[in-house]
Amino acid sequence: MRKIPAALVVLGLVTVGLTGCSLPGASDCSRPAVSDADVMDLIDVTGDTDEVPDVDIYAPLHTSELAYEDVVVGEGTAITSPDQLIVVDLAFFSGETGDPIVATEYNGDLTAVSAPSGWATNFPGFEEALDCATEGSRIAVALSPDDVSDKVRADWSLGEDESVVAVIDVRKVYLPAADGANQFNSGFGLPTVVRAPDGRPGLIIPDGAPPTEPVVQVLKKGDGPVVTGEQPVRVHYTGVVWGEDEAFENTWEDFPVSVTMDAVVSGFADAIEGQTVGSQVLVVVPPEQGYGDEQHAAIPPGSTLVYVIDILGLDAPQEG
């Protein structure tokens, strides 16, 4: 079997922005174990989920619509948005012959972060196949000719009506937004946080002078791993200068970022260190813990900064 890097660059995978997707609650997220038994009974997937799967196909297999089956159901975080960040391993097989086509490395690398919607250009059915799937799952997918892009079909020398079988191993699923328990906070004269249905926060900055000391409030308390600073942290955040109406940075307009403690201002780093994944934190950063008396991009000298930070997961350290 030909193997390629886990990012599957040759397939044109891109990570797209997290924009405008609703966030169902856990009770709203369900999926059938088998979407079409007549099709999936023709596919047998075995082997350790840490290795390239063994797939036996009653070939030739032809399907006019996408079908999937949860071969293994994981107990981790569910994929509730097509733009949610995930790490997957994949293996593809010809429906015509049952022969392997291509696979990721299956080497335990958790740094190749993507999103279901990022696969849509080449494999439109992946969004459906991954909807409400959970971390740790192995999913067998029968792809119709319409579920594989013309470019991939040409690259793989597929026949005009040839179906493809994919096996998706869901290694890691990041939260789409902080999901921790709401916490009570009091504090007169501090910013107010409001949230959209998808969890996206907005900030209301009060009139008056900002605090002169750092302020950290945990708005949602997650139950995930603790941020120690030893691993990069995947976060969404909104940053506003106290007294301004517009955010100077808002990752919700793009996609979550991976940060290290030495790559952000000290007030930001201090606010998230010791917090848990799933938490949302409000922090007011005086100039001394921000950019001080220096101009930084659109941030004026001497600015007090306000951040709302959603802690979505811990990244695997980059090798090398």
Protein backbone atom coordinates (compact mmCIF):
# COMPACT_ATOMS: atom_id res chain seq x y z
CA MET A 1 0.00 0.00 0.00
CA ARG A 2 1.31 3.44 -0.88
CA LYS A 3 1.58 5.69 2.16
CA ILE A 4 1.62 9.45 2.32
CA PRO A 5 2.02 12.00 5.14
CA ALA A 6 -0.88 12.20 7.56
CA ALA A 7 -1.89 15.65 6.30
CA LEU A 8 -2.74 14.13 2.91
CA VAL A 9 -1.43 17.22 1.19
CA VAL A 10 -1.67 15.62 -2.24
CA LEU A 11 -5.41 15.37 -1.76
CA GLY A 12 -5.73 19.11 -1.39
CA LEU A 13 -6.80 19.10 2.26
CA VAL A 14 -7.27 22.55 3.71
CA THR A 15 -8.31 23.64 7.16
CA VAL A 16 -11.20 26.07 6.86
CA GLY A 17 -12.48 28.71 9.23
CA LEU A 18 -14.94 28.01 11.98
CA THR A 19 -17.74 30.28 10.89
CA GLY A 20 -21.41 30.33 11.71
CA CYS A 21 -21.92 26.70 12.74
CA SER A 22 -24.42 25.87 15.45
CA LEU A 23 -23.30 23.86 18.45
CA PRO A 24 -25.77 21.12 19.38
CA GLY A 25 -25.85 19.94 22.93
CA ALA A 26 -24.74 16.41 23.75
CA SER A 27 -28.38 15.31 23.96
CA ASP A 28 -28.95 16.50 20.38
CA CYS A 29 -26.02 14.50 18.99
CA SER A 30 -26.91 11.00 17.85
CA ARG A 31 -26.15 8.82 14.84
CA PRO A 32 -27.13 5.37 13.63
CA ALA A 33 -24.52 2.68 14.14
CA VAL A 34 -25.11 1.65 10.51
CA SER A 35 -26.62 4.02 7.96
CA ASP A 36 -27.28 1.37 5.28
CA ALA A 37 -26.86 -2.26 6.34
CA ASP A 38 -27.32 -3.62 2.81
CA VAL A 39 -24.20 -1.79 1.66
CA MET A 40 -22.11 -2.06 4.80
CA ASP A 41 -22.67 -5.83 5.09
CA LEU A 42 -20.46 -6.09 2.00
CA ILE A 43 -17.49 -4.57 3.91
CA ASP A 44 -15.61 -6.26 6.74
CA VAL A 45 -13.08 -4.19 8.69
CA THR A 46 -10.76 -5.83 11.20
CA GLY A 47 -7.42 -5.18 12.88
CA ASP A 48 -6.01 -2.97 15.60
CA THR A 49 -7.25 0.62 15.40
CA ASP A 50 -3.67 1.84 15.84
CA GLU A 51 -2.69 0.18 12.57
CA VAL A 52 -3.80 0.30 8.95
CA PRO A 53 -7.04 -1.72 8.92
CA ASP A 54 -7.57 -5.02 7.19
CA VAL A 55 -10.54 -4.58 4.86
CA ASP A 56 -12.35 -7.38 3.04
CA ILE A 57 -14.79 -6.14 0.41
CA TYR A 58 -17.34 -8.26 -1.43
CA ALA A 59 -16.15 -6.80 -4.72
CA PRO A 60 -17.11 -5.30 -6.97
CA LEU A 61 -18.95 -2.98 -4.61
CA HIS A 62 -21.09 -0.28 -6.17
CA THR A 63 -23.13 2.23 -4.20
CA SER A 64 -25.12 5.19 -5.48
CA GLU A 65 -25.22 6.91 -2.10
CA LEU A 66 -22.86 7.32 0.84
CA ALA A 67 -23.14 4.73 3.61
CA TYR A 68 -21.20 4.27 6.84
CA GLU A 69 -20.86 2.00 9.86
CA ASP A 70 -19.27 2.57 13.25
CA VAL A 71 -16.92 -0.40 13.52
CA VAL A 72 -15.62 0.85 16.88
CA VAL A 73 -17.40 3.51 18.93
CA GLY A 74 -15.10 5.74 20.95
CA GLU A 75 -15.97 7.32 24.28
CA GLY A 76 -14.37 10.72 23.68
CA THR A 77 -15.61 14.12 22.53
CA ALA A 78 -18.25 14.15 19.79
CA ILE A 79 -17.91 15.97 16.48
CA THR A 80 -20.84 18.40 16.54
CA SER A 81 -19.71 20.86 13.88
CA PRO A 82 -18.23 20.34 10.40
CA ASP A 83 -15.60 22.95 11.26
CA GLN A 84 -14.51 21.32 14.54
CA LEU A 85 -10.82 20.47 14.71
CA ILE A 86 -9.91 16.78 14.63
CA VAL A 87 -6.99 14.45 14.02
CA VAL A 88 -7.67 11.35 11.92
CA ASP A 89 -5.94 8.46 10.21
CA LEU A 90 -7.43 7.25 6.96
CA ALA A 91 -7.16 4.31 4.60
CA PHE A 92 -8.81 4.04 1.18
CA PHE A 93 -9.67 0.93 -0.84
CA SER A 94 -11.05 0.29 -4.31
CA GLY A 95 -14.66 -0.79 -4.32
CA GLU A 96 -14.04 -2.43 -7.69
CA THR A 97 -11.20 -4.73 -6.64
CA GLY A 98 -10.94 -4.39 -2.87
CA ASP A 99 -7.29 -3.43 -3.24
CA PRO A 100 -5.67 -0.76 -1.03
CA ILE A 101 -5.24 2.66 -2.64
CA VAL A 102 -3.59 4.94 -0.09
CA ALA A 103 -3.35 5.47 3.66
CA THR A 104 -1.93 7.84 6.22
CA GLU A 105 1.12 6.78 8.19
CA TYR A 106 -0.66 5.36 11.24
CA ASN A 107 2.38 6.36 13.28
CA GLY A 108 0.65 7.98 16.26
CA ASP A 109 1.25 11.54 15.05
CA LEU A 110 -1.38 13.86 16.55
CA THR A 111 -0.11 17.09 14.99
CA ALA A 112 -1.98 16.87 11.67
CA VAL A 113 -5.07 18.86 12.68
CA SER A 114 -7.91 19.24 10.17
CA ALA A 115 -11.71 19.56 10.13
CA PRO A 116 -14.53 17.57 8.49
CA SER A 117 -15.36 20.55 6.28
CA GLY A 118 -11.74 20.66 5.17
CA TRP A 119 -12.27 17.33 3.43
CA ALA A 120 -15.44 18.47 1.65
CA THR A 121 -13.73 19.53 -1.58
CA ASN A 122 -12.44 16.04 -2.24
CA PHE A 123 -14.78 13.88 -0.15
CA PRO A 124 -18.12 15.68 0.30
CA GLY A 125 -19.64 12.82 2.26
CA PHE A 126 -17.11 12.99 5.09
CA GLU A 127 -19.11 15.68 6.89
CA GLU A 128 -22.11 13.35 7.04
CA ALA A 129 -20.00 10.32 7.95
CA LEU A 130 -18.35 12.15 10.84
CA ASP A 131 -21.38 13.97 12.21
CA CYS A 132 -21.70 13.07 15.91
CA ALA A 133 -18.84 10.55 15.68
CA THR A 134 -16.68 10.41 18.79
CA GLU A 135 -12.97 10.44 19.54
CA GLY A 136 -11.63 6.90 19.47
CA SER A 137 -14.07 5.67 16.82
CA ARG A 138 -13.27 3.66 13.69
CA ILE A 139 -15.73 4.32 10.88
CA ALA A 140 -16.09 2.41 7.61
CA VAL A 141 -17.47 4.55 4.79
CA ALA A 142 -18.72 3.50 1.36
CA LEU A 143 -18.26 6.43 -1.01
CA SER A 144 -20.32 6.68 -4.16
CA PRO A 145 -18.72 8.10 -7.33
CA ASP A 146 -20.28 11.47 -6.43
CA ASP A 147 -18.59 11.39 -3.01
CA VAL A 148 -15.09 11.52 -4.53
CA SER A 149 -13.93 14.61 -6.41
CA ASP A 150 -12.95 14.44 -10.09
CA LYS A 151 -9.40 15.40 -9.15
CA VAL A 152 -8.99 12.52 -6.72
CA ARG A 153 -10.66 10.12 -9.12
CA ALA A 154 -8.13 11.10 -11.77
CA ASP A 155 -5.18 10.93 -9.36
CA TRP A 156 -6.21 7.46 -8.27
CA SER A 157 -7.12 6.27 -11.79
CA LEU A 158 -10.62 5.30 -10.70
CA GLY A 159 -13.18 4.05 -13.16
CA GLU A 160 -16.14 6.25 -14.05
CA ASP A 161 -18.58 4.39 -11.79
CA GLU A 162 -16.07 3.05 -9.26
CA SER A 163 -16.95 3.34 -5.59
CA VAL A 164 -14.36 3.75 -2.86
CA VAL A 165 -14.26 2.40 0.68
CA ALA A 166 -12.66 4.60 3.35
CA VAL A 167 -11.81 3.74 6.95
CA ILE A 168 -11.57 6.75 9.28
CA ASP A 169 -9.88 6.38 12.65
CA VAL A 170 -10.74 9.39 14.82
CA ARG A 171 -7.66 9.99 16.94
CA LYS A 172 -8.49 13.31 18.60
CA VAL A 173 -11.45 15.70 18.71
CA TYR A 174 -11.08 19.25 19.98
CA LEU A 175 -13.98 21.05 21.61
CA PRO A 176 -15.74 23.53 19.30
CA ALA A 177 -16.21 25.90 22.24
CA ALA A 178 -15.78 25.85 26.01
CA ASP A 179 -18.27 23.38 27.45
CA GLY A 180 -17.56 23.62 31.18
CA ALA A 181 -20.00 24.39 33.96
CA ASN A 182 -21.03 28.03 34.31
CA GLN A 183 -19.37 29.74 37.27
CA PHE A 184 -20.68 32.55 39.43
CA ASN A 185 -18.52 35.69 39.35
CA SER A 186 -19.01 39.05 40.94
CA GLY A 187 -17.13 42.18 40.12
CA PHE A 188 -18.53 45.66 39.68
CA GLY A 189 -17.22 47.55 36.69
CA LEU A 190 -15.80 44.54 34.87
CA PRO A 191 -16.55 43.53 31.25
CA THR A 192 -19.61 41.42 30.53
CA VAL A 193 -19.49 38.35 28.29
CA VAL A 194 -22.44 37.31 26.15
CA ARG A 195 -22.57 34.17 24.02
CA ALA A 196 -24.12 33.21 20.69
CA PRO A 197 -25.85 29.81 20.34
CA ASP A 198 -22.65 28.30 18.93
CA GLY A 199 -20.73 29.37 22.03
CA ARG A 200 -19.04 32.34 20.39
CA PRO A 201 -18.51 35.06 23.03
CA GLY A 202 -18.95 38.79 22.75
CA LEU A 203 -17.59 41.45 25.10
CA ILE A 204 -19.31 44.50 26.57
CA ILE A 205 -16.72 46.88 28.01
CA PRO A 206 -18.08 49.18 30.74
CA ASP A 207 -17.51 52.92 30.93
CA GLY A 208 -14.94 54.07 33.39
CA ALA A 209 -11.30 53.40 34.11
CA PRO A 210 -9.95 49.85 33.84
CA PRO A 211 -8.53 47.93 36.80
CA THR A 212 -4.87 48.60 37.51
CA GLU A 213 -4.18 45.00 38.54
CA PRO A 214 -4.75 41.82 36.48
CA VAL A 215 -8.21 40.29 36.80
CA VAL A 216 -8.96 36.67 35.94
CA GLN A 217 -12.46 35.21 36.08
CA VAL A 218 -13.32 31.62 35.17
CA LEU A 219 -16.68 31.87 33.40
CA LYS A 220 -16.93 28.15 32.55
CA LYS A 221 -15.03 25.46 34.43
CA GLY A 222 -14.04 22.52 32.23
CA ASP A 223 -13.20 19.03 33.42
CA GLY A 224 -10.42 18.32 30.92
CA PRO A 225 -6.64 18.18 31.32
CA VAL A 226 -4.81 20.98 33.10
CA VAL A 227 -2.86 23.57 31.12
CA THR A 228 0.69 23.28 32.45
CA GLY A 229 2.55 25.19 29.77
CA GLU A 230 4.48 22.10 28.71
CA GLN A 231 2.26 21.54 25.67
CA PRO A 232 0.83 24.02 23.17
CA VAL A 233 -2.76 24.98 23.96
CA ARG A 234 -5.50 25.18 21.33
CA VAL A 235 -7.72 28.16 22.06
CA HIS A 236 -10.33 30.48 20.64
CA TYR A 237 -10.08 34.02 21.94
CA THR A 238 -11.41 37.51 21.45
CA GLY A 239 -9.21 40.47 22.38
CA VAL A 240 -10.44 44.04 22.92
CA VAL A 241 -8.65 47.18 24.04
CA TRP A 242 -10.42 48.68 27.06
CA GLY A 243 -12.39 51.66 25.78
CA GLU A 244 -12.62 50.39 22.18
CA ASP A 245 -15.67 48.96 20.43
CA GLU A 246 -13.95 46.62 17.97
CA ALA A 247 -11.85 43.56 18.69
CA PHE A 248 -8.19 43.85 17.74
CA GLU A 249 -8.14 40.06 17.29
CA ASN A 250 -10.85 37.45 17.09
CA THR A 251 -9.97 33.86 16.23
CA TRP A 252 -13.66 32.99 15.90
CA GLU A 253 -13.54 34.66 12.51
CA ASP A 254 -10.99 32.09 11.40
CA PHE A 255 -10.04 28.96 13.35
CA PRO A 256 -8.63 28.12 16.80
CA VAL A 257 -4.96 28.88 17.29
CA SER A 258 -2.24 26.92 18.98
CA VAL A 259 -0.36 29.02 21.54
CA THR A 260 2.64 28.52 23.77
CA MET A 261 3.24 30.47 26.95
CA ASP A 262 6.22 32.32 25.50
CA ALA A 263 4.29 33.43 22.41
CA VAL A 264 1.58 35.49 24.18
CA VAL A 265 1.68 38.41 26.58
CA SER A 266 2.35 37.43 30.19
CA GLY A 267 -1.17 38.37 31.31
CA PHE A 268 -2.67 35.95 28.77
CA ALA A 269 -0.24 33.16 29.72
CA ASP A 270 -0.81 33.63 33.45
CA ALA A 271 -4.58 33.51 32.95
CA ILE A 272 -4.67 30.12 31.23
CA GLU A 273 -1.88 28.31 33.06
CA GLY A 274 -3.46 26.02 35.63
CA GLN A 275 -6.87 26.17 33.94
CA THR A 276 -8.57 23.08 32.48
CA VAL A 277 -9.63 22.17 28.97
CA GLY A 278 -13.28 23.12 28.48
CA SER A 279 -12.93 26.31 30.50
CA GLN A 280 -13.71 29.86 29.39
CA VAL A 281 -11.70 32.60 31.03
CA LEU A 282 -12.11 36.37 31.12
CA VAL A 283 -8.89 38.26 31.77
CA VAL A 284 -8.16 41.97 32.09
CA VAL A 285 -4.50 42.67 31.35
CA PRO A 286 -2.96 45.98 32.49
CA PRO A 287 -0.25 47.44 30.23
CA GLU A 288 2.56 46.03 32.37
CA GLN A 289 1.39 42.46 31.62
CA GLY A 290 0.48 43.35 28.02
CA TYR A 291 2.43 45.42 25.51
CA GLY A 292 3.44 48.17 27.93
CA ASP A 293 4.16 51.55 26.40
CA GLU A 294 4.85 50.13 22.93
CA GLN A 295 2.54 50.27 19.93
CA HIS A 296 1.67 46.76 18.83
CA ALA A 297 -0.15 46.56 15.49
CA ALA A 298 -3.54 48.25 16.14
CA ILE A 299 -3.05 48.30 19.92
CA PRO A 300 -2.07 51.79 21.20
CA PRO A 301 0.71 52.26 23.76
CA GLY A 302 -0.37 51.90 27.39
CA SER A 303 -3.47 49.85 26.56
CA THR A 304 -5.35 47.65 28.98
CA LEU A 305 -6.37 44.47 27.17
CA VAL A 306 -9.44 42.32 27.70
CA TYR A 307 -9.55 38.70 26.51
CA VAL A 308 -12.17 35.99 26.54
CA ILE A 309 -10.38 32.68 26.07
CA ASP A 310 -11.96 29.30 25.33
CA ILE A 311 -9.57 26.42 26.09
CA LEU A 312 -10.37 23.72 23.52
CA GLY A 313 -7.59 21.18 23.94
CA LEU A 314 -3.91 20.48 24.32
CA ASP A 315 -1.83 20.00 21.17
CA ALA A 316 0.79 17.33 20.73
CA PRO A 317 4.24 18.91 20.71
CA GLN A 318 5.80 19.30 17.28
CA GLU A 319 8.64 16.86 16.77
CA GLY A 320 12.07 18.25 16.04
